[in-house]
């Protein structure tokens, strides 16, 4: 799937491995890079849904926003602009890394 960033700090984190806005543990940064590779390698949305360890889920209150697990505490939030009527392929816009359930 095609990936674009809507957050310049996450671009820096992905390219450099660190960003002032996101002072995250090393393990979370590694997981972020790994998740980005998985999203880029995905042919369609089912490649993400079928991997249970990603805990890929739709965010409540949003039609096109989803999250992936980075670890027990952090999630990667994204928005998908669908390219087909079946809603299986599209452009993934990376929004932010958030703490899960406000932990």
PDB file of N, CA and C in Angstrom:
ATOM      1  N   UNK A   1       0.841  -1.177   0.000  1.00  0.00           N
ATOM      2  CA  UNK A   1       0.000   0.000   0.000  1.00  0.00           C
ATOM      3  C   UNK A   1       0.887   1.243   0.000  1.00  0.00           C
ATOM      4  N   UNK A   2       0.374   2.296  -0.585  1.00  0.00           N
ATOM      5  CA  UNK A   2       1.111   3.557  -0.618  1.00  0.00           C
ATOM      6  C   UNK A   2       1.010   4.238   0.737  1.00  0.00           C
ATOM      7  N   UNK A   3       2.130   4.805   1.199  1.00  0.00           N
ATOM      8  CA  UNK A   3       2.172   5.431   2.524  1.00  0.00           C
ATOM      9  C   UNK A   3       2.632   6.878   2.396  1.00  0.00           C
ATOM     10  N   UNK A   4       1.948   7.759   3.118  1.00  0.00           N
ATOM     11  CA  UNK A   4       2.343   9.162   3.209  1.00  0.00           C
ATOM     12  C   UNK A   4       2.227   9.593   4.665  1.00  0.00           C
ATOM     13  N   UNK A   5       3.056  10.538   5.044  1.00  0.00           N
ATOM     14  CA  UNK A   5       3.041  11.048   6.417  1.00  0.00           C
ATOM     15  C   UNK A   5       2.308  12.381   6.465  1.00  0.00           C
ATOM     16  N   UNK A   6       1.470  12.562   7.475  1.00  0.00           N
ATOM     17  CA  UNK A   6       0.824  13.851   7.716  1.00  0.00           C
ATOM     18  C   UNK A   6       1.479  14.555   8.903  1.00  0.00           C
ATOM     19  N   UNK A   7       2.555  13.978   9.402  1.00  0.00           N
ATOM     20  CA  UNK A   7       3.229  14.502  10.580  1.00  0.00           C
ATOM     21  C   UNK A   7       4.736  14.514  10.301  1.00  0.00           C
ATOM     22  N   UNK A   8       5.321  15.706  10.218  1.00  0.00           N
ATOM     23  CA  UNK A   8       6.749  15.804   9.863  1.00  0.00           C
ATOM     24  C   UNK A   8       7.655  15.195  10.927  1.00  0.00           C
ATOM     25  N   UNK A   9       7.200  15.181  12.169  1.00  0.00           N
ATOM     26  CA  UNK A   9       8.001  14.586  13.239  1.00  0.00           C
ATOM     27  C   UNK A   9       8.122  13.071  13.051  1.00  0.00           C
ATOM     28  N   UNK A  10       7.059  12.450  12.557  1.00  0.00           N
ATOM     29  CA  UNK A  10       7.118  11.008  12.309  1.00  0.00           C
ATOM     30  C   UNK A  10       7.994  10.682  11.105  1.00  0.00           C
ATOM     31  N   UNK A  11       8.040  11.566  10.122  1.00  0.00           N
ATOM     32  CA  UNK A  11       8.965  11.377   8.999  1.00  0.00           C
ATOM     33  C   UNK A  11      10.392  11.362   9.534  1.00  0.00           C
ATOM     34  N   UNK A  12      10.706  12.314  10.389  1.00  0.00           N
ATOM     35  CA  UNK A  12      12.049  12.403  10.979  1.00  0.00           C
ATOM     36  C   UNK A  12      12.344  11.166  11.825  1.00  0.00           C
ATOM     37  N   UNK A  13      11.368  10.730  12.601  1.00  0.00           N
ATOM     38  CA  UNK A  13      11.540   9.536  13.432  1.00  0.00           C
ATOM     39  C   UNK A  13      11.814   8.313  12.565  1.00  0.00           C
ATOM     40  N   UNK A  14      11.091   8.183  11.473  1.00  0.00           N
ATOM     41  CA  UNK A  14      11.255   7.035  10.577  1.00  0.00           C
ATOM     42  C   UNK A  14      12.612   7.077   9.866  1.00  0.00           C
ATOM     43  N   UNK A  15      13.027   8.252   9.434  1.00  0.00           N
ATOM     44  CA  UNK A  15      14.273   8.371   8.681  1.00  0.00           C
ATOM     45  C   UNK A  15      15.510   8.372   9.571  1.00  0.00           C
ATOM     46  N   UNK A  16      15.425   9.028  10.726  1.00  0.00           N
ATOM     47  CA  UNK A  16      16.600   9.211  11.590  1.00  0.00           C
ATOM     48  C   UNK A  16      16.606   8.332  12.839  1.00  0.00           C
ATOM     49  N   UNK A  17      15.440   7.794  13.196  1.00  0.00           N
ATOM     50  CA  UNK A  17      15.374   6.969  14.394  1.00  0.00           C
ATOM     51  C   UNK A  17      15.173   7.745  15.674  1.00  0.00           C
ATOM     52  N   UNK A  18      14.932   9.068  15.550  1.00  0.00           N
ATOM     53  CA  UNK A  18      14.646   9.879  16.730  1.00  0.00           C
ATOM     54  C   UNK A  18      13.955  11.167  16.294  1.00  0.00           C
ATOM     55  N   UNK A  19      13.181  11.724  17.214  1.00  0.00           N
ATOM     56  CA  UNK A  19      12.496  12.995  16.982  1.00  0.00           C
ATOM     57  C   UNK A  19      12.196  13.614  18.338  1.00  0.00           C
ATOM     58  N   UNK A  20      12.410  14.911  18.453  1.00  0.00           N
ATOM     59  CA  UNK A  20      12.176  15.593  19.735  1.00  0.00           C
ATOM     60  C   UNK A  20      10.731  15.484  20.198  1.00  0.00           C
ATOM     61  N   UNK A  21       9.813  15.539  19.273  1.00  0.00           N
ATOM     62  CA  UNK A  21       8.389  15.477  19.620  1.00  0.00           C
ATOM     63  C   UNK A  21       8.022  14.110  20.208  1.00  0.00           C
ATOM     64  N   UNK A  22       8.762  13.075  19.825  1.00  0.00           N
ATOM     65  CA  UNK A  22       8.467  11.718  20.275  1.00  0.00           C
ATOM     66  C   UNK A  22       9.666  11.119  21.003  1.00  0.00           C
ATOM     67  N   UNK A  23       9.870  11.469  22.277  1.00  0.00           N
ATOM     68  CA  UNK A  23      10.951  10.850  23.052  1.00  0.00           C
ATOM     69  C   UNK A  23      10.502   9.462  23.523  1.00  0.00           C
ATOM     70  N   UNK A  24      10.585   8.504  22.632  1.00  0.00           N
ATOM     71  CA  UNK A  24      10.065   7.161  22.881  1.00  0.00           C
ATOM     72  C   UNK A  24      11.177   6.192  23.248  1.00  0.00           C
ATOM     73  N   UNK A  25      10.822   5.109  23.946  1.00  0.00           N
ATOM     74  CA  UNK A  25      11.797   4.050  24.218  1.00  0.00           C
ATOM     75  C   UNK A  25      12.309   3.439  22.906  1.00  0.00           C
ATOM     76  N   UNK A  26      13.525   2.951  22.925  1.00  0.00           N
ATOM     77  CA  UNK A  26      14.151   2.367  21.739  1.00  0.00           C
ATOM     78  C   UNK A  26      13.312   1.249  21.139  1.00  0.00           C
ATOM     79  N   UNK A  27      12.722   0.417  21.979  1.00  0.00           N
ATOM     80  CA  UNK A  27      11.898  -0.685  21.485  1.00  0.00           C
ATOM     81  C   UNK A  27      10.694  -0.216  20.698  1.00  0.00           C
ATOM     82  N   UNK A  28      10.097   0.878  21.112  1.00  0.00           N
ATOM     83  CA  UNK A  28       8.929   1.425  20.410  1.00  0.00           C
ATOM     84  C   UNK A  28       9.351   1.994  19.056  1.00  0.00           C
ATOM     85  N   UNK A  29      10.508   2.633  19.008  1.00  0.00           N
ATOM     86  CA  UNK A  29      11.008   3.182  17.743  1.00  0.00           C
ATOM     87  C   UNK A  29      11.297   2.055  16.754  1.00  0.00           C
ATOM     88  N   UNK A  30      11.872   0.966  17.239  1.00  0.00           N
ATOM     89  CA  UNK A  30      12.131  -0.187  16.371  1.00  0.00           C
ATOM     90  C   UNK A  30      10.825  -0.783  15.855  1.00  0.00           C
ATOM     91  N   UNK A  31       9.833  -0.888  16.734  1.00  0.00           N
ATOM     92  CA  UNK A  31       8.522  -1.416  16.323  1.00  0.00           C
ATOM     93  C   UNK A  31       7.866  -0.493  15.296  1.00  0.00           C
ATOM     94  N   UNK A  32       8.023   0.825  15.481  1.00  0.00           N
ATOM     95  CA  UNK A  32       7.474   1.788  14.532  1.00  0.00           C
ATOM     96  C   UNK A  32       8.067   1.547  13.144  1.00  0.00           C
ATOM     97  N   UNK A  33       9.378   1.394  13.062  1.00  0.00           N
ATOM     98  CA  UNK A  33      10.032   1.128  11.775  1.00  0.00           C
ATOM     99  C   UNK A  33       9.553  -0.185  11.177  1.00  0.00           C
ATOM    100  N   UNK A  34       9.410  -1.183  12.021  1.00  0.00           N
ATOM    101  CA  UNK A  34       8.938  -2.486  11.567  1.00  0.00           C
ATOM    102  C   UNK A  34       7.503  -2.398  11.033  1.00  0.00           C
ATOM    103  N   UNK A  35       6.642  -1.692  11.761  1.00  0.00           N
ATOM    104  CA  UNK A  35       5.243  -1.538  11.333  1.00  0.00           C
ATOM    105  C   UNK A  35       5.154  -0.775  10.014  1.00  0.00           C
ATOM    106  N   UNK A  36       6.006   0.231   9.850  1.00  0.00           N
ATOM    107  CA  UNK A  36       6.005   0.991   8.600  1.00  0.00           C
ATOM    108  C   UNK A  36       6.371   0.081   7.427  1.00  0.00           C
ATOM    109  N   UNK A  37       7.331  -0.798   7.621  1.00  0.00           N
ATOM    110  CA  UNK A  37       7.711  -1.738   6.570  1.00  0.00           C
ATOM    111  C   UNK A  37       6.564  -2.692   6.256  1.00  0.00           C
ATOM    112  N   UNK A  38       5.841  -3.125   7.290  1.00  0.00           N
ATOM    113  CA  UNK A  38       4.704  -4.016   7.074  1.00  0.00           C
ATOM    114  C   UNK A  38       3.593  -3.315   6.298  1.00  0.00           C
ATOM    115  N   UNK A  39       3.339  -2.053   6.610  1.00  0.00           N
ATOM    116  CA  UNK A  39       2.303  -1.301   5.896  1.00  0.00           C
ATOM    117  C   UNK A  39       2.706  -1.118   4.437  1.00  0.00           C
ATOM    118  N   UNK A  40       3.961  -0.749   4.199  1.00  0.00           N
ATOM    119  CA  UNK A  40       4.445  -0.551   2.831  1.00  0.00           C
ATOM    120  C   UNK A  40       4.404  -1.848   2.024  1.00  0.00           C
ATOM    121  N   UNK A  41       4.645  -2.971   2.674  1.00  0.00           N
ATOM    122  CA  UNK A  41       4.658  -4.260   1.987  1.00  0.00           C
ATOM    123  C   UNK A  41       3.260  -4.823   1.748  1.00  0.00           C
ATOM    124  N   UNK A  42       2.272  -4.324   2.466  1.00  0.00           N
ATOM    125  CA  UNK A  42       0.907  -4.848   2.346  1.00  0.00           C
ATOM    126  C   UNK A  42       0.341  -4.561   0.958  1.00  0.00           C
ATOM    127  N   UNK A  43      -0.257  -5.577   0.360  1.00  0.00           N
ATOM    128  CA  UNK A  43      -0.904  -5.424  -0.939  1.00  0.00           C
ATOM    129  C   UNK A  43      -2.283  -4.803  -0.760  1.00  0.00           C
ATOM    130  N   UNK A  44      -2.976  -5.241   0.300  1.00  0.00           N
ATOM    131  CA  UNK A  44      -4.301  -4.696   0.602  1.00  0.00           C
ATOM    132  C   UNK A  44      -4.522  -4.715   2.113  1.00  0.00           C
ATOM    133  N   UNK A  45      -5.663  -4.243   2.520  1.00  0.00           N
ATOM    134  CA  UNK A  45      -5.973  -4.094   3.941  1.00  0.00           C
ATOM    135  C   UNK A  45      -5.992  -5.440   4.672  1.00  0.00           C
ATOM    136  N   UNK A  46      -6.311  -6.501   3.957  1.00  0.00           N
ATOM    137  CA  UNK A  46      -6.387  -7.820   4.586  1.00  0.00           C
ATOM    138  C   UNK A  46      -5.022  -8.308   5.063  1.00  0.00           C
ATOM    139  N   UNK A  47      -3.954  -7.843   4.429  1.00  0.00           N
ATOM    140  CA  UNK A  47      -2.610  -8.203   4.891  1.00  0.00           C
ATOM    141  C   UNK A  47      -2.351  -7.670   6.296  1.00  0.00           C
ATOM    142  N   UNK A  48      -2.971  -6.563   6.638  1.00  0.00           N
ATOM    143  CA  UNK A  48      -2.827  -6.003   7.984  1.00  0.00           C
ATOM    144  C   UNK A  48      -3.811  -6.650   8.954  1.00  0.00           C
ATOM    145  N   UNK A  49      -5.051  -6.857   8.512  1.00  0.00           N
ATOM    146  CA  UNK A  49      -6.066  -7.445   9.390  1.00  0.00           C
ATOM    147  C   UNK A  49      -5.731  -8.881   9.790  1.00  0.00           C
ATOM    148  N   UNK A  50      -5.149  -9.645   8.877  1.00  0.00           N
ATOM    149  CA  UNK A  50      -4.923 -11.068   9.176  1.00  0.00           C
ATOM    150  C   UNK A  50      -3.747 -11.303  10.129  1.00  0.00           C
ATOM    151  N   UNK A  51      -2.918 -10.294  10.348  1.00  0.00           N
ATOM    152  CA  UNK A  51      -1.802 -10.413  11.283  1.00  0.00           C
ATOM    153  C   UNK A  51      -2.286  -9.980  12.661  1.00  0.00           C
ATOM    154  N   UNK A  52      -2.647 -10.944  13.489  1.00  0.00           N
ATOM    155  CA  UNK A  52      -3.289 -10.631  14.774  1.00  0.00           C
ATOM    156  C   UNK A  52      -2.386  -9.834  15.720  1.00  0.00           C
ATOM    157  N   UNK A  53      -1.074  -9.989  15.622  1.00  0.00           N
ATOM    158  CA  UNK A  53      -0.172  -9.262  16.523  1.00  0.00           C
ATOM    159  C   UNK A  53      -0.203  -7.752  16.283  1.00  0.00           C
ATOM    160  N   UNK A  54      -0.671  -7.320  15.117  1.00  0.00           N
ATOM    161  CA  UNK A  54      -0.774  -5.889  14.831  1.00  0.00           C
ATOM    162  C   UNK A  54      -1.937  -5.244  15.576  1.00  0.00           C
ATOM    163  N   UNK A  55      -2.925  -6.058  15.937  1.00  0.00           N
ATOM    164  CA  UNK A  55      -4.137  -5.548  16.586  1.00  0.00           C
ATOM    165  C   UNK A  55      -4.707  -4.374  15.780  1.00  0.00           C
ATOM    166  N   UNK A  56      -4.810  -4.586  14.470  1.00  0.00           N
ATOM    167  CA  UNK A  56      -5.311  -3.568  13.549  1.00  0.00           C
ATOM    168  C   UNK A  56      -6.799  -3.382  13.791  1.00  0.00           C
ATOM    169  N   UNK A  57      -7.202  -2.141  14.103  1.00  0.00           N
ATOM    170  CA  UNK A  57      -8.613  -1.898  14.403  1.00  0.00           C
ATOM    171  C   UNK A  57      -9.025  -0.495  13.991  1.00  0.00           C
ATOM    172  N   UNK A  58     -10.308  -0.354  13.709  1.00  0.00           N
ATOM    173  CA  UNK A  58     -10.884   0.949  13.369  1.00  0.00           C
ATOM    174  C   UNK A  58     -11.058   1.744  14.650  1.00  0.00           C
ATOM    175  N   UNK A  59     -10.737   3.030  14.590  1.00  0.00           N
ATOM    176  CA  UNK A  59     -10.921   3.900  15.747  1.00  0.00           C
ATOM    177  C   UNK A  59     -12.388   4.297  15.855  1.00  0.00           C
ATOM    178  N   UNK A  60     -12.918   4.235  17.045  1.00  0.00           N
ATOM    179  CA  UNK A  60     -14.319   4.581  17.262  1.00  0.00           C
ATOM    180  C   UNK A  60     -14.567   6.038  16.906  1.00  0.00           C
ATOM    181  N   UNK A  61     -15.686   6.267  16.229  1.00  0.00           N
ATOM    182  CA  UNK A  61     -16.072   7.621  15.867  1.00  0.00           C
ATOM    183  C   UNK A  61     -15.491   8.104  14.549  1.00  0.00           C
ATOM    184  N   UNK A  62     -14.677   7.279  13.901  1.00  0.00           N
ATOM    185  CA  UNK A  62     -14.064   7.646  12.624  1.00  0.00           C
ATOM    186  C   UNK A  62     -14.303   6.535  11.616  1.00  0.00           C
ATOM    187  N   UNK A  63     -14.647   6.919  10.404  1.00  0.00           N
ATOM    188  CA  UNK A  63     -14.904   5.922   9.370  1.00  0.00           C
ATOM    189  C   UNK A  63     -13.622   5.384   8.743  1.00  0.00           C
ATOM    190  N   UNK A  64     -12.625   6.249   8.563  1.00  0.00           N
ATOM    191  CA  UNK A  64     -11.409   5.855   7.851  1.00  0.00           C
ATOM    192  C   UNK A  64     -10.146   5.906   8.700  1.00  0.00           C
ATOM    193  N   UNK A  65     -10.291   5.962  10.016  1.00  0.00           N
ATOM    194  CA  UNK A  65      -9.112   5.992  10.894  1.00  0.00           C
ATOM    195  C   UNK A  65      -8.937   4.645  11.578  1.00  0.00           C
ATOM    196  N   UNK A  66      -7.663   4.243  11.651  1.00  0.00           N
ATOM    197  CA  UNK A  66      -7.323   2.940  12.203  1.00  0.00           C
ATOM    198  C   UNK A  66      -6.092   3.073  13.091  1.00  0.00           C
ATOM    199  N   UNK A  67      -5.821   2.019  13.859  1.00  0.00           N
ATOM    200  CA  UNK A  67      -4.601   1.998  14.663  1.00  0.00           C
ATOM    201  C   UNK A  67      -3.962   0.619  14.594  1.00  0.00           C
ATOM    202  N   UNK A  68      -2.647   0.609  14.783  1.00  0.00           N
ATOM    203  CA  UNK A  68      -1.847  -0.614  14.870  1.00  0.00           C
ATOM    204  C   UNK A  68      -1.100  -0.584  16.186  1.00  0.00           C
ATOM    205  N   UNK A  69      -0.909  -1.729  16.776  1.00  0.00           N
ATOM    206  CA  UNK A  69      -0.168  -1.830  18.032  1.00  0.00           C
ATOM    207  C   UNK A  69       1.335  -1.703  17.773  1.00  0.00           C
ATOM    208  N   UNK A  70       1.974  -0.827  18.541  1.00  0.00           N
ATOM    209  CA  UNK A  70       3.437  -0.780  18.559  1.00  0.00           C
ATOM    210  C   UNK A  70       3.944  -1.600  19.737  1.00  0.00           C
ATOM    211  N   UNK A  71       3.320  -1.424  20.890  1.00  0.00           N
ATOM    212  CA  UNK A  71       3.539  -2.273  22.059  1.00  0.00           C
ATOM    213  C   UNK A  71       2.290  -2.156  22.921  1.00  0.00           C
ATOM    214  N   UNK A  72       2.349  -2.635  24.155  1.00  0.00           N
ATOM    215  CA  UNK A  72       1.153  -2.598  25.004  1.00  0.00           C
ATOM    216  C   UNK A  72       0.692  -1.180  25.309  1.00  0.00           C
ATOM    217  N   UNK A  73       1.595  -0.221  25.235  1.00  0.00           N
ATOM    218  CA  UNK A  73       1.275   1.148  25.630  1.00  0.00           C
ATOM    219  C   UNK A  73       1.043   2.103  24.458  1.00  0.00           C
ATOM    220  N   UNK A  74       1.689   1.858  23.314  1.00  0.00           N
ATOM    221  CA  UNK A  74       1.653   2.805  22.197  1.00  0.00           C
ATOM    222  C   UNK A  74       0.979   2.219  20.960  1.00  0.00           C
ATOM    223  N   UNK A  75       0.278   3.104  20.236  1.00  0.00           N
ATOM    224  CA  UNK A  75      -0.399   2.749  18.992  1.00  0.00           C
ATOM    225  C   UNK A  75       0.023   3.718  17.893  1.00  0.00           C
ATOM    226  N   UNK A  76       0.046   3.226  16.671  1.00  0.00           N
ATOM    227  CA  UNK A  76       0.283   4.053  15.497  1.00  0.00           C
ATOM    228  C   UNK A  76      -1.073   4.328  14.861  1.00  0.00           C
ATOM    229  N   UNK A  77      -1.448   5.600  14.783  1.00  0.00           N
ATOM    230  CA  UNK A  77      -2.748   5.969  14.218  1.00  0.00           C
ATOM    231  C   UNK A  77      -2.575   6.404  12.771  1.00  0.00           C
ATOM    232  N   UNK A  78      -3.531   5.983  11.936  1.00  0.00           N
ATOM    233  CA  UNK A  78      -3.463   6.273  10.506  1.00  0.00           C
ATOM    234  C   UNK A  78      -4.848   6.496   9.934  1.00  0.00           C
ATOM    235  N   UNK A  79      -4.878   7.086   8.767  1.00  0.00           N
ATOM    236  CA  UNK A  79      -6.117   7.299   8.033  1.00  0.00           C
ATOM    237  C   UNK A  79      -5.917   6.682   6.657  1.00  0.00           C
ATOM    238  N   UNK A  80      -6.962   6.061   6.118  1.00  0.00           N
ATOM    239  CA  UNK A  80      -6.837   5.423   4.811  1.00  0.00           C
ATOM    240  C   UNK A  80      -7.810   6.078   3.842  1.00  0.00           C
ATOM    241  N   UNK A  81      -7.276   6.501   2.703  1.00  0.00           N
ATOM    242  CA  UNK A  81      -8.096   7.026   1.617  1.00  0.00           C
ATOM    243  C   UNK A  81      -8.238   5.892   0.604  1.00  0.00           C
ATOM    244  N   UNK A  82      -9.430   5.337   0.510  1.00  0.00           N
ATOM    245  CA  UNK A  82      -9.667   4.138  -0.289  1.00  0.00           C
ATOM    246  C   UNK A  82      -9.612   4.432  -1.783  1.00  0.00           C
ATOM    247  N   UNK A  83      -9.032   3.494  -2.540  1.00  0.00           N
ATOM    248  CA  UNK A  83      -8.933   3.615  -3.992  1.00  0.00           C
ATOM    249  C   UNK A  83      -9.995   2.799  -4.709  1.00  0.00           C
ATOM    250  N   UNK A  84     -10.597   1.848  -4.019  1.00  0.00           N
ATOM    251  CA  UNK A  84     -11.586   0.987  -4.662  1.00  0.00           C
ATOM    252  C   UNK A  84     -12.864   0.924  -3.828  1.00  0.00           C
ATOM    253  N   UNK A  85     -13.938   0.491  -4.464  1.00  0.00           N
ATOM    254  CA  UNK A  85     -15.234   0.425  -3.794  1.00  0.00           C
ATOM    255  C   UNK A  85     -15.271  -0.631  -2.695  1.00  0.00           C
ATOM    256  N   UNK A  86     -14.463  -1.667  -2.821  1.00  0.00           N
ATOM    257  CA  UNK A  86     -14.438  -2.744  -1.825  1.00  0.00           C
ATOM    258  C   UNK A  86     -13.717  -2.325  -0.552  1.00  0.00           C
ATOM    259  N   UNK A  87     -13.040  -1.185  -0.589  1.00  0.00           N
ATOM    260  CA  UNK A  87     -12.275  -0.667   0.545  1.00  0.00           C
ATOM    261  C   UNK A  87     -11.194  -1.656   0.995  1.00  0.00           C
ATOM    262  N   UNK A  88     -10.426  -2.109   0.024  1.00  0.00           N
ATOM    263  CA  UNK A  88      -9.338  -3.034   0.331  1.00  0.00           C
ATOM    264  C   UNK A  88      -7.962  -2.433   0.046  1.00  0.00           C
ATOM    265  N   UNK A  89      -7.899  -1.459  -0.866  1.00  0.00           N
ATOM    266  CA  UNK A  89      -6.622  -0.825  -1.223  1.00  0.00           C
ATOM    267  C   UNK A  89      -6.768   0.685  -1.125  1.00  0.00           C
ATOM    268  N   UNK A  90      -5.665   1.335  -0.769  1.00  0.00           N
ATOM    269  CA  UNK A  90      -5.708   2.788  -0.686  1.00  0.00           C
ATOM    270  C   UNK A  90      -4.393   3.371  -0.220  1.00  0.00           C
ATOM    271  N   UNK A  91      -4.411   4.667  -0.017  1.00  0.00           N
ATOM    272  CA  UNK A  91      -3.250   5.381   0.495  1.00  0.00           C
ATOM    273  C   UNK A  91      -3.377   5.498   2.006  1.00  0.00           C
ATOM    274  N   UNK A  92      -2.319   5.117   2.702  1.00  0.00           N
ATOM    275  CA  UNK A  92      -2.300   5.177   4.163  1.00  0.00           C
ATOM    276  C   UNK A  92      -1.587   6.461   4.574  1.00  0.00           C
ATOM    277  N   UNK A  93      -2.272   7.284   5.353  1.00  0.00           N
ATOM    278  CA  UNK A  93      -1.698   8.524   5.874  1.00  0.00           C
ATOM    279  C   UNK A  93      -1.363   8.317   7.348  1.00  0.00           C
ATOM    280  N   UNK A  94      -0.091   8.380   7.679  1.00  0.00           N
ATOM    281  CA  UNK A  94       0.359   8.181   9.050  1.00  0.00           C
ATOM    282  C   UNK A  94       0.122   9.475   9.823  1.00  0.00           C
ATOM    283  N   UNK A  95      -0.656   9.388  10.918  1.00  0.00           N
ATOM    284  CA  UNK A  95      -1.064  10.574  11.662  1.00  0.00           C
ATOM    285  C   UNK A  95      -0.227  10.826  12.909  1.00  0.00           C
ATOM    286  N   UNK A  96      -0.154   9.822  13.795  1.00  0.00           N
ATOM    287  CA  UNK A  96       0.558  10.048  15.055  1.00  0.00           C
ATOM    288  C   UNK A  96       0.790   8.739  15.798  1.00  0.00           C
ATOM    289  N   UNK A  97       1.656   8.822  16.790  1.00  0.00           N
ATOM    290  CA  UNK A  97       1.839   7.740  17.751  1.00  0.00           C
ATOM    291  C   UNK A  97       1.167   8.210  19.027  1.00  0.00           C
ATOM    292  N   UNK A  98       0.278   7.386  19.552  1.00  0.00           N
ATOM    293  CA  UNK A  98      -0.468   7.791  20.746  1.00  0.00           C
ATOM    294  C   UNK A  98      -0.354   6.728  21.830  1.00  0.00           C
ATOM    295  N   UNK A  99      -0.601   7.165  23.054  1.00  0.00           N
ATOM    296  CA  UNK A  99      -0.675   6.215  24.159  1.00  0.00           C
ATOM    297  C   UNK A  99      -2.045   5.566  24.107  1.00  0.00           C
ATOM    298  N   UNK A 100      -2.059   4.259  24.273  1.00  0.00           N
ATOM    299  CA  UNK A 100      -3.304   3.506  24.180  1.00  0.00           C
ATOM    300  C   UNK A 100      -4.176   3.757  25.405  1.00  0.00           C
ATOM    301  N   UNK A 101      -5.419   4.165  25.165  1.00  0.00           N
ATOM    302  CA  UNK A 101      -6.409   4.417  26.216  1.00  0.00           C
ATOM    303  C   UNK A 101      -5.923   5.417  27.249  1.00  0.00           C
ATOM    304  N   UNK A 102      -5.070   6.340  26.834  1.00  0.00           N
ATOM    305  CA  UNK A 102      -4.622   7.401  27.725  1.00  0.00           C
ATOM    306  C   UNK A 102      -3.713   6.950  28.849  1.00  0.00           C
ATOM    307  N   UNK A 103      -3.109   5.761  28.715  1.00  0.00           N
ATOM    308  CA  UNK A 103      -2.200   5.252  29.757  1.00  0.00           C
ATOM    309  C   UNK A 103      -0.986   6.138  29.897  1.00  0.00           C
TER     310      UNK A 103
END
